[in-house]
Amino acid sequence: MSMQSLLFWLIAFVMGVITSVYLPMNGVVARYVGSALLANIPFYLLGAITTLLLFSFTGNFGAVSRLREVPSYLYLSGFISAFLVFGSTFLIPKLGAGRFFVLFVAGQIVMALTVSHFGLLDSPQDPITLKKAFGAILLLIGVTLATQ
């Protein structure tokens, strides 16, 4: 494995760790304010401000004009993101972080296999093999055991 690949794996792992912290943090905010929906407003405001600041430092302002070229259905990712964060803010206090993330990751793996198999959303096509299907089945068995 190349150093670049190893670095990408490490970054992906760290992103998983970070996700396992920031989503429960929203659940705590929801408990403080009494609303899972309200808890997401500061999350998205700070996220938007951070993104705008980071973008402004890149100096790649020509990219803004290319936003018109993006197929409109791809902007549904904003709704999906809001649902994901709201859902986790609502569910983590009810299911617990461990159970939530086991189910969350299981759903991600099943969908990732599907997206990769068909090469959807510009993902490189990577057909589901017997080995991958067996791994997914083992994962689902593990999810069942881990959530009981």
N, C-alpha and C. Protein backbone atom coordinates (compact mmCIF):
# COMPACT_ATOMS: atom_id res chain seq x y z
N MET A 1 0.85 -1.18 0.00
CA MET A 1 0.00 0.00 0.00
C MET A 1 0.90 1.24 0.00
N SER A 2 0.55 2.19 -0.84
CA SER A 2 1.35 3.41 -0.94
C SER A 2 1.12 4.30 0.28
N MET A 3 2.03 5.22 0.51
CA MET A 3 1.89 6.17 1.62
C MET A 3 0.63 7.02 1.45
N GLN A 4 0.35 7.40 0.19
CA GLN A 4 -0.84 8.20 -0.07
C GLN A 4 -2.10 7.42 0.30
N SER A 5 -2.16 6.15 -0.10
CA SER A 5 -3.32 5.32 0.24
C SER A 5 -3.45 5.17 1.75
N LEU A 6 -2.33 4.95 2.41
CA LEU A 6 -2.33 4.81 3.87
C LEU A 6 -2.85 6.09 4.53
N LEU A 7 -2.41 7.22 4.01
CA LEU A 7 -2.87 8.51 4.53
C LEU A 7 -4.38 8.65 4.34
N PHE A 8 -4.88 8.28 3.17
CA PHE A 8 -6.32 8.37 2.91
C PHE A 8 -7.10 7.46 3.85
N TRP A 9 -6.59 6.26 4.11
CA TRP A 9 -7.23 5.33 5.04
C TRP A 9 -7.27 5.94 6.44
N LEU A 10 -6.17 6.54 6.84
CA LEU A 10 -6.08 7.15 8.16
C LEU A 10 -7.07 8.31 8.29
N ILE A 11 -7.14 9.14 7.26
CA ILE A 11 -8.07 10.28 7.28
C ILE A 11 -9.51 9.77 7.36
N ALA A 12 -9.84 8.73 6.60
CA ALA A 12 -11.20 8.16 6.64
C ALA A 12 -11.51 7.62 8.04
N PHE A 13 -10.53 6.97 8.66
CA PHE A 13 -10.72 6.44 10.01
C PHE A 13 -10.97 7.59 10.99
N VAL A 14 -10.16 8.63 10.90
CA VAL A 14 -10.31 9.78 11.79
C VAL A 14 -11.68 10.44 11.57
N MET A 15 -12.13 10.49 10.33
CA MET A 15 -13.45 11.05 10.05
C MET A 15 -14.54 10.23 10.75
N GLY A 16 -14.37 8.91 10.77
CA GLY A 16 -15.31 8.05 11.49
C GLY A 16 -15.30 8.35 12.97
N VAL A 17 -14.10 8.55 13.52
CA VAL A 17 -13.99 8.89 14.95
C VAL A 17 -14.69 10.22 15.22
N ILE A 18 -14.43 11.20 14.37
CA ILE A 18 -15.03 12.53 14.55
C ILE A 18 -16.55 12.44 14.45
N THR A 19 -17.06 11.68 13.48
CA THR A 19 -18.50 11.53 13.33
C THR A 19 -19.11 10.92 14.59
N SER A 20 -18.37 10.00 15.20
CA SER A 20 -18.87 9.34 16.41
C SER A 20 -18.88 10.27 17.61
N VAL A 21 -18.28 11.44 17.47
CA VAL A 21 -18.28 12.43 18.55
C VAL A 21 -19.27 13.55 18.24
N TYR A 22 -19.24 14.06 17.00
CA TYR A 22 -20.05 15.26 16.74
C TYR A 22 -21.54 14.96 16.69
N LEU A 23 -21.94 13.80 16.21
CA LEU A 23 -23.38 13.51 16.18
C LEU A 23 -23.96 13.38 17.59
N PRO A 24 -23.31 12.66 18.51
CA PRO A 24 -23.83 12.66 19.89
C PRO A 24 -23.81 14.04 20.54
N MET A 25 -22.85 14.89 20.15
CA MET A 25 -22.82 16.25 20.69
C MET A 25 -24.13 16.97 20.36
N ASN A 26 -24.65 16.76 19.15
CA ASN A 26 -25.92 17.38 18.78
C ASN A 26 -27.05 16.86 19.66
N GLY A 27 -26.98 15.58 20.03
CA GLY A 27 -27.98 15.02 20.94
C GLY A 27 -27.96 15.72 22.29
N VAL A 28 -26.78 16.05 22.77
CA VAL A 28 -26.65 16.76 24.04
C VAL A 28 -27.21 18.18 23.90
N VAL A 29 -26.91 18.83 22.78
CA VAL A 29 -27.46 20.17 22.53
C VAL A 29 -28.99 20.09 22.52
N ALA A 30 -29.54 19.06 21.88
CA ALA A 30 -31.00 18.89 21.83
C ALA A 30 -31.58 18.74 23.23
N ARG A 31 -30.88 18.04 24.09
CA ARG A 31 -31.35 17.87 25.47
C ARG A 31 -31.36 19.22 26.19
N TYR A 32 -30.34 20.03 25.94
CA TYR A 32 -30.27 21.35 26.58
C TYR A 32 -31.41 22.26 26.11
N VAL A 33 -31.65 22.26 24.80
CA VAL A 33 -32.64 23.20 24.27
C VAL A 33 -34.04 22.61 24.17
N GLY A 34 -34.16 21.29 24.32
CA GLY A 34 -35.47 20.64 24.29
C GLY A 34 -36.02 20.38 22.91
N SER A 35 -35.17 20.45 21.88
CA SER A 35 -35.66 20.23 20.51
C SER A 35 -34.51 19.73 19.63
N ALA A 36 -34.73 18.56 19.02
CA ALA A 36 -33.72 18.03 18.10
C ALA A 36 -33.59 18.91 16.86
N LEU A 37 -34.70 19.48 16.41
CA LEU A 37 -34.64 20.36 15.24
C LEU A 37 -33.87 21.64 15.54
N LEU A 38 -34.17 22.26 16.67
CA LEU A 38 -33.48 23.49 17.04
C LEU A 38 -31.98 23.24 17.23
N ALA A 39 -31.63 22.08 17.75
CA ALA A 39 -30.22 21.76 17.98
C ALA A 39 -29.41 21.76 16.69
N ASN A 40 -30.07 21.52 15.57
CA ASN A 40 -29.37 21.47 14.29
C ASN A 40 -29.10 22.84 13.68
N ILE A 41 -29.82 23.85 14.11
CA ILE A 41 -29.64 25.18 13.53
C ILE A 41 -28.23 25.72 13.80
N PRO A 42 -27.74 25.73 15.04
CA PRO A 42 -26.36 26.20 15.23
C PRO A 42 -25.34 25.31 14.52
N PHE A 43 -25.63 24.01 14.45
CA PHE A 43 -24.74 23.08 13.75
C PHE A 43 -24.56 23.52 12.30
N TYR A 44 -25.68 23.76 11.61
CA TYR A 44 -25.59 24.13 10.20
C TYR A 44 -25.08 25.56 10.00
N LEU A 45 -25.44 26.47 10.88
CA LEU A 45 -24.92 27.84 10.76
C LEU A 45 -23.39 27.86 10.91
N LEU A 46 -22.89 27.18 11.94
CA LEU A 46 -21.44 27.13 12.13
C LEU A 46 -20.76 26.37 11.00
N GLY A 47 -21.41 25.32 10.52
CA GLY A 47 -20.86 24.57 9.39
C GLY A 47 -20.78 25.42 8.14
N ALA A 48 -21.84 26.21 7.88
CA ALA A 48 -21.85 27.08 6.70
C ALA A 48 -20.79 28.17 6.81
N ILE A 49 -20.67 28.76 7.99
CA ILE A 49 -19.66 29.81 8.19
C ILE A 49 -18.26 29.23 8.01
N THR A 50 -18.01 28.07 8.61
CA THR A 50 -16.70 27.43 8.48
C THR A 50 -16.39 27.11 7.03
N THR A 51 -17.37 26.57 6.31
CA THR A 51 -17.17 26.23 4.90
C THR A 51 -16.89 27.48 4.08
N LEU A 52 -17.65 28.55 4.31
CA LEU A 52 -17.43 29.80 3.58
C LEU A 52 -16.04 30.37 3.86
N LEU A 53 -15.61 30.32 5.11
CA LEU A 53 -14.27 30.81 5.45
C LEU A 53 -13.19 29.97 4.76
N LEU A 54 -13.32 28.65 4.83
CA LEU A 54 -12.34 27.78 4.19
C LEU A 54 -12.32 28.01 2.68
N PHE A 55 -13.51 28.14 2.08
CA PHE A 55 -13.59 28.39 0.65
C PHE A 55 -12.95 29.72 0.29
N SER A 56 -13.17 30.75 1.10
CA SER A 56 -12.60 32.07 0.79
C SER A 56 -11.08 32.03 0.81
N PHE A 57 -10.50 31.16 1.63
CA PHE A 57 -9.04 31.06 1.68
C PHE A 57 -8.47 30.34 0.46
N THR A 58 -9.29 29.57 -0.26
CA THR A 58 -8.77 28.86 -1.44
C THR A 58 -8.59 29.81 -2.61
N GLY A 59 -9.38 30.88 -2.65
CA GLY A 59 -9.29 31.82 -3.75
C GLY A 59 -9.87 31.29 -5.05
N ASN A 60 -10.57 30.17 -5.01
CA ASN A 60 -11.12 29.54 -6.21
C ASN A 60 -12.54 30.05 -6.47
N PHE A 61 -12.69 31.35 -6.61
CA PHE A 61 -14.01 31.95 -6.74
C PHE A 61 -14.66 31.66 -8.09
N GLY A 62 -13.87 31.26 -9.07
CA GLY A 62 -14.44 30.89 -10.37
C GLY A 62 -15.33 29.66 -10.27
N ALA A 63 -15.13 28.86 -9.25
CA ALA A 63 -15.94 27.66 -9.06
C ALA A 63 -17.39 28.00 -8.79
N VAL A 64 -17.65 29.18 -8.24
CA VAL A 64 -19.02 29.57 -7.90
C VAL A 64 -19.89 29.59 -9.15
N SER A 65 -19.36 30.08 -10.25
CA SER A 65 -20.15 30.15 -11.48
C SER A 65 -20.51 28.76 -12.00
N ARG A 66 -19.73 27.75 -11.63
CA ARG A 66 -20.01 26.39 -12.10
C ARG A 66 -21.11 25.70 -11.29
N LEU A 67 -21.58 26.33 -10.22
CA LEU A 67 -22.67 25.74 -9.44
C LEU A 67 -23.93 25.54 -10.30
N ARG A 68 -24.11 26.41 -11.31
CA ARG A 68 -25.27 26.29 -12.20
C ARG A 68 -25.22 25.00 -13.02
N GLU A 69 -24.02 24.46 -13.23
CA GLU A 69 -23.85 23.26 -14.05
C GLU A 69 -24.20 21.97 -13.30
N VAL A 70 -24.30 22.05 -12.00
CA VAL A 70 -24.57 20.86 -11.19
C VAL A 70 -26.02 20.43 -11.40
N PRO A 71 -26.25 19.16 -11.74
CA PRO A 71 -27.64 18.69 -11.87
C PRO A 71 -28.41 18.94 -10.57
N SER A 72 -29.64 19.43 -10.71
CA SER A 72 -30.40 19.86 -9.53
C SER A 72 -30.63 18.73 -8.53
N TYR A 73 -30.76 17.49 -8.99
CA TYR A 73 -31.02 16.40 -8.05
C TYR A 73 -29.86 16.20 -7.08
N LEU A 74 -28.66 16.62 -7.45
CA LEU A 74 -27.51 16.46 -6.55
C LEU A 74 -27.60 17.38 -5.34
N TYR A 75 -28.38 18.44 -5.45
CA TYR A 75 -28.55 19.33 -4.31
C TYR A 75 -29.44 18.71 -3.23
N LEU A 76 -30.07 17.59 -3.55
CA LEU A 76 -30.83 16.86 -2.53
C LEU A 76 -29.92 16.40 -1.39
N SER A 77 -28.63 16.39 -1.64
CA SER A 77 -27.70 15.99 -0.57
C SER A 77 -27.83 16.91 0.64
N GLY A 78 -28.24 18.14 0.43
CA GLY A 78 -28.48 19.05 1.56
C GLY A 78 -29.62 18.57 2.43
N PHE A 79 -30.71 18.11 1.79
CA PHE A 79 -31.83 17.55 2.56
C PHE A 79 -31.41 16.26 3.26
N ILE A 80 -30.64 15.44 2.55
CA ILE A 80 -30.17 14.19 3.13
C ILE A 80 -29.29 14.47 4.34
N SER A 81 -28.42 15.46 4.21
CA SER A 81 -27.55 15.82 5.33
C SER A 81 -28.36 16.31 6.52
N ALA A 82 -29.35 17.14 6.27
CA ALA A 82 -30.19 17.64 7.37
C ALA A 82 -30.93 16.48 8.03
N PHE A 83 -31.45 15.55 7.22
CA PHE A 83 -32.14 14.39 7.78
C PHE A 83 -31.18 13.54 8.60
N LEU A 84 -29.97 13.35 8.09
CA LEU A 84 -28.97 12.54 8.80
C LEU A 84 -28.64 13.15 10.16
N VAL A 85 -28.37 14.43 10.18
CA VAL A 85 -28.00 15.07 11.44
C VAL A 85 -29.20 15.14 12.37
N PHE A 86 -30.37 15.51 11.85
CA PHE A 86 -31.56 15.53 12.71
C PHE A 86 -31.86 14.13 13.24
N GLY A 87 -31.82 13.14 12.34
CA GLY A 87 -32.10 11.77 12.76
C GLY A 87 -31.16 11.29 13.84
N SER A 88 -29.89 11.58 13.69
CA SER A 88 -28.92 11.15 14.71
C SER A 88 -29.13 11.91 16.01
N THR A 89 -29.44 13.19 15.90
CA THR A 89 -29.70 14.01 17.09
C THR A 89 -30.90 13.46 17.86
N PHE A 90 -31.89 13.00 17.14
CA PHE A 90 -33.09 12.43 17.74
C PHE A 90 -32.85 11.01 18.26
N LEU A 91 -32.14 10.18 17.47
CA LEU A 91 -32.03 8.75 17.79
C LEU A 91 -30.95 8.40 18.81
N ILE A 92 -29.82 9.10 18.80
CA ILE A 92 -28.73 8.73 19.72
C ILE A 92 -29.18 8.75 21.18
N PRO A 93 -29.91 9.78 21.62
CA PRO A 93 -30.37 9.74 23.02
C PRO A 93 -31.36 8.60 23.30
N LYS A 94 -32.04 8.11 22.27
CA LYS A 94 -33.01 7.03 22.45
C LYS A 94 -32.38 5.64 22.33
N LEU A 95 -31.46 5.47 21.38
CA LEU A 95 -30.84 4.17 21.14
C LEU A 95 -29.51 4.00 21.87
N GLY A 96 -28.85 5.10 22.14
CA GLY A 96 -27.48 5.07 22.64
C GLY A 96 -26.52 5.19 21.45
N ALA A 97 -25.37 5.78 21.69
CA ALA A 97 -24.41 6.01 20.61
C ALA A 97 -23.92 4.70 20.00
N GLY A 98 -23.63 3.72 20.84
CA GLY A 98 -23.11 2.45 20.32
C GLY A 98 -24.07 1.77 19.37
N ARG A 99 -25.31 1.59 19.81
CA ARG A 99 -26.31 0.93 18.96
C ARG A 99 -26.58 1.75 17.70
N PHE A 100 -26.70 3.07 17.86
CA PHE A 100 -26.94 3.92 16.69
C PHE A 100 -25.84 3.75 15.65
N PHE A 101 -24.58 3.84 16.09
CA PHE A 101 -23.49 3.79 15.12
C PHE A 101 -23.31 2.42 14.50
N VAL A 102 -23.61 1.36 15.23
CA VAL A 102 -23.55 0.02 14.64
C VAL A 102 -24.56 -0.07 13.49
N LEU A 103 -25.78 0.39 13.73
CA LEU A 103 -26.80 0.38 12.69
C LEU A 103 -26.46 1.35 11.56
N PHE A 104 -25.96 2.50 11.91
CA PHE A 104 -25.57 3.54 10.94
C PHE A 104 -24.50 3.01 9.99
N VAL A 105 -23.46 2.40 10.55
CA VAL A 105 -22.37 1.88 9.72
C VAL A 105 -22.85 0.71 8.88
N ALA A 106 -23.72 -0.14 9.43
CA ALA A 106 -24.26 -1.25 8.65
C ALA A 106 -25.02 -0.73 7.43
N GLY A 107 -25.83 0.30 7.64
CA GLY A 107 -26.55 0.91 6.52
C GLY A 107 -25.60 1.50 5.50
N GLN A 108 -24.55 2.14 5.97
CA GLN A 108 -23.56 2.72 5.06
C GLN A 108 -22.89 1.64 4.22
N ILE A 109 -22.53 0.53 4.84
CA ILE A 109 -21.82 -0.52 4.11
C ILE A 109 -22.73 -1.16 3.07
N VAL A 110 -23.97 -1.44 3.44
CA VAL A 110 -24.90 -2.03 2.48
C VAL A 110 -25.10 -1.08 1.30
N MET A 111 -25.30 0.20 1.57
CA MET A 111 -25.50 1.16 0.48
C MET A 111 -24.23 1.38 -0.32
N ALA A 112 -23.08 1.40 0.36
CA ALA A 112 -21.81 1.57 -0.35
C ALA A 112 -21.57 0.42 -1.32
N LEU A 113 -21.90 -0.79 -0.91
CA LEU A 113 -21.76 -1.94 -1.82
C LEU A 113 -22.66 -1.76 -3.04
N THR A 114 -23.87 -1.27 -2.82
CA THR A 114 -24.81 -1.06 -3.92
C THR A 114 -24.32 0.03 -4.86
N VAL A 115 -23.91 1.16 -4.29
CA VAL A 115 -23.41 2.28 -5.11
C VAL A 115 -22.19 1.84 -5.91
N SER A 116 -21.27 1.14 -5.27
CA SER A 116 -20.06 0.68 -5.96
C SER A 116 -20.38 -0.37 -7.01
N HIS A 117 -21.30 -1.27 -6.71
CA HIS A 117 -21.64 -2.34 -7.66
C HIS A 117 -22.14 -1.76 -8.98
N PHE A 118 -22.99 -0.75 -8.88
CA PHE A 118 -23.58 -0.16 -10.08
C PHE A 118 -22.81 1.06 -10.59
N GLY A 119 -21.79 1.49 -9.87
CA GLY A 119 -21.03 2.67 -10.28
C GLY A 119 -21.86 3.94 -10.23
N LEU A 120 -22.75 4.03 -9.26
CA LEU A 120 -23.62 5.20 -9.14
C LEU A 120 -22.86 6.42 -8.62
N LEU A 121 -23.38 7.59 -8.91
CA LEU A 121 -22.85 8.86 -8.39
C LEU A 121 -21.36 9.02 -8.66
N ASP A 122 -20.95 8.65 -9.84
CA ASP A 122 -19.55 8.77 -10.29
C ASP A 122 -18.58 7.92 -9.48
N SER A 123 -19.09 6.93 -8.78
CA SER A 123 -18.21 6.02 -8.03
C SER A 123 -17.63 5.01 -9.02
N PRO A 124 -16.36 4.64 -8.85
CA PRO A 124 -15.83 3.59 -9.72
C PRO A 124 -16.64 2.31 -9.54
N GLN A 125 -16.97 1.65 -10.64
CA GLN A 125 -17.75 0.42 -10.55
C GLN A 125 -16.89 -0.69 -9.96
N ASP A 126 -17.42 -1.34 -8.96
CA ASP A 126 -16.72 -2.41 -8.25
C ASP A 126 -17.77 -3.47 -7.91
N PRO A 127 -17.95 -4.46 -8.79
CA PRO A 127 -19.03 -5.44 -8.61
C PRO A 127 -18.98 -6.15 -7.26
N ILE A 128 -20.17 -6.47 -6.76
CA ILE A 128 -20.27 -7.25 -5.52
C ILE A 128 -19.86 -8.68 -5.85
N THR A 129 -18.90 -9.17 -5.11
CA THR A 129 -18.43 -10.55 -5.28
C THR A 129 -19.04 -11.40 -4.17
N LEU A 130 -18.86 -12.70 -4.29
CA LEU A 130 -19.32 -13.62 -3.25
C LEU A 130 -18.66 -13.28 -1.92
N LYS A 131 -17.38 -12.94 -1.99
CA LYS A 131 -16.63 -12.59 -0.77
C LYS A 131 -17.23 -11.34 -0.11
N LYS A 132 -17.54 -10.32 -0.92
CA LYS A 132 -18.13 -9.09 -0.38
C LYS A 132 -19.53 -9.35 0.18
N ALA A 133 -20.31 -10.15 -0.54
CA ALA A 133 -21.66 -10.49 -0.06
C ALA A 133 -21.58 -11.23 1.27
N PHE A 134 -20.63 -12.16 1.37
CA PHE A 134 -20.45 -12.90 2.62
C PHE A 134 -20.05 -11.95 3.74
N GLY A 135 -19.16 -11.01 3.44
CA GLY A 135 -18.76 -10.01 4.44
C GLY A 135 -19.93 -9.17 4.90
N ALA A 136 -20.80 -8.77 3.96
CA ALA A 136 -21.98 -7.98 4.31
C ALA A 136 -22.93 -8.79 5.18
N ILE A 137 -23.09 -10.07 4.86
CA ILE A 137 -23.95 -10.94 5.68
C ILE A 137 -23.38 -11.07 7.08
N LEU A 138 -22.05 -11.27 7.18
CA LEU A 138 -21.41 -11.34 8.50
C LEU A 138 -21.62 -10.03 9.26
N LEU A 139 -21.53 -8.92 8.55
CA LEU A 139 -21.75 -7.62 9.17
C LEU A 139 -23.16 -7.53 9.74
N LEU A 140 -24.14 -7.94 8.96
CA LEU A 140 -25.52 -7.87 9.42
C LEU A 140 -25.76 -8.80 10.61
N ILE A 141 -25.10 -9.95 10.61
CA ILE A 141 -25.18 -10.84 11.77
C ILE A 141 -24.56 -10.14 12.98
N GLY A 142 -23.40 -9.50 12.76
CA GLY A 142 -22.75 -8.75 13.83
C GLY A 142 -23.61 -7.62 14.35
N VAL A 143 -24.29 -6.93 13.45
CA VAL A 143 -25.19 -5.84 13.85
C VAL A 143 -26.31 -6.40 14.74
N THR A 144 -26.86 -7.52 14.32
CA THR A 144 -27.92 -8.15 15.11
C THR A 144 -27.42 -8.48 16.51
N LEU A 145 -26.24 -9.07 16.59
CA LEU A 145 -25.68 -9.42 17.90
C LEU A 145 -25.34 -8.18 18.72
N ALA A 146 -24.79 -7.17 18.07
CA ALA A 146 -24.35 -5.96 18.79
C ALA A 146 -25.51 -5.10 19.28
N THR A 147 -26.68 -5.26 18.68
CA THR A 147 -27.80 -4.40 19.07
C THR A 147 -28.80 -5.10 19.98
N GLN A 148 -28.49 -6.32 20.40
CA GLN A 148 -29.41 -7.04 21.30
C GLN A 148 -29.05 -6.83 22.74
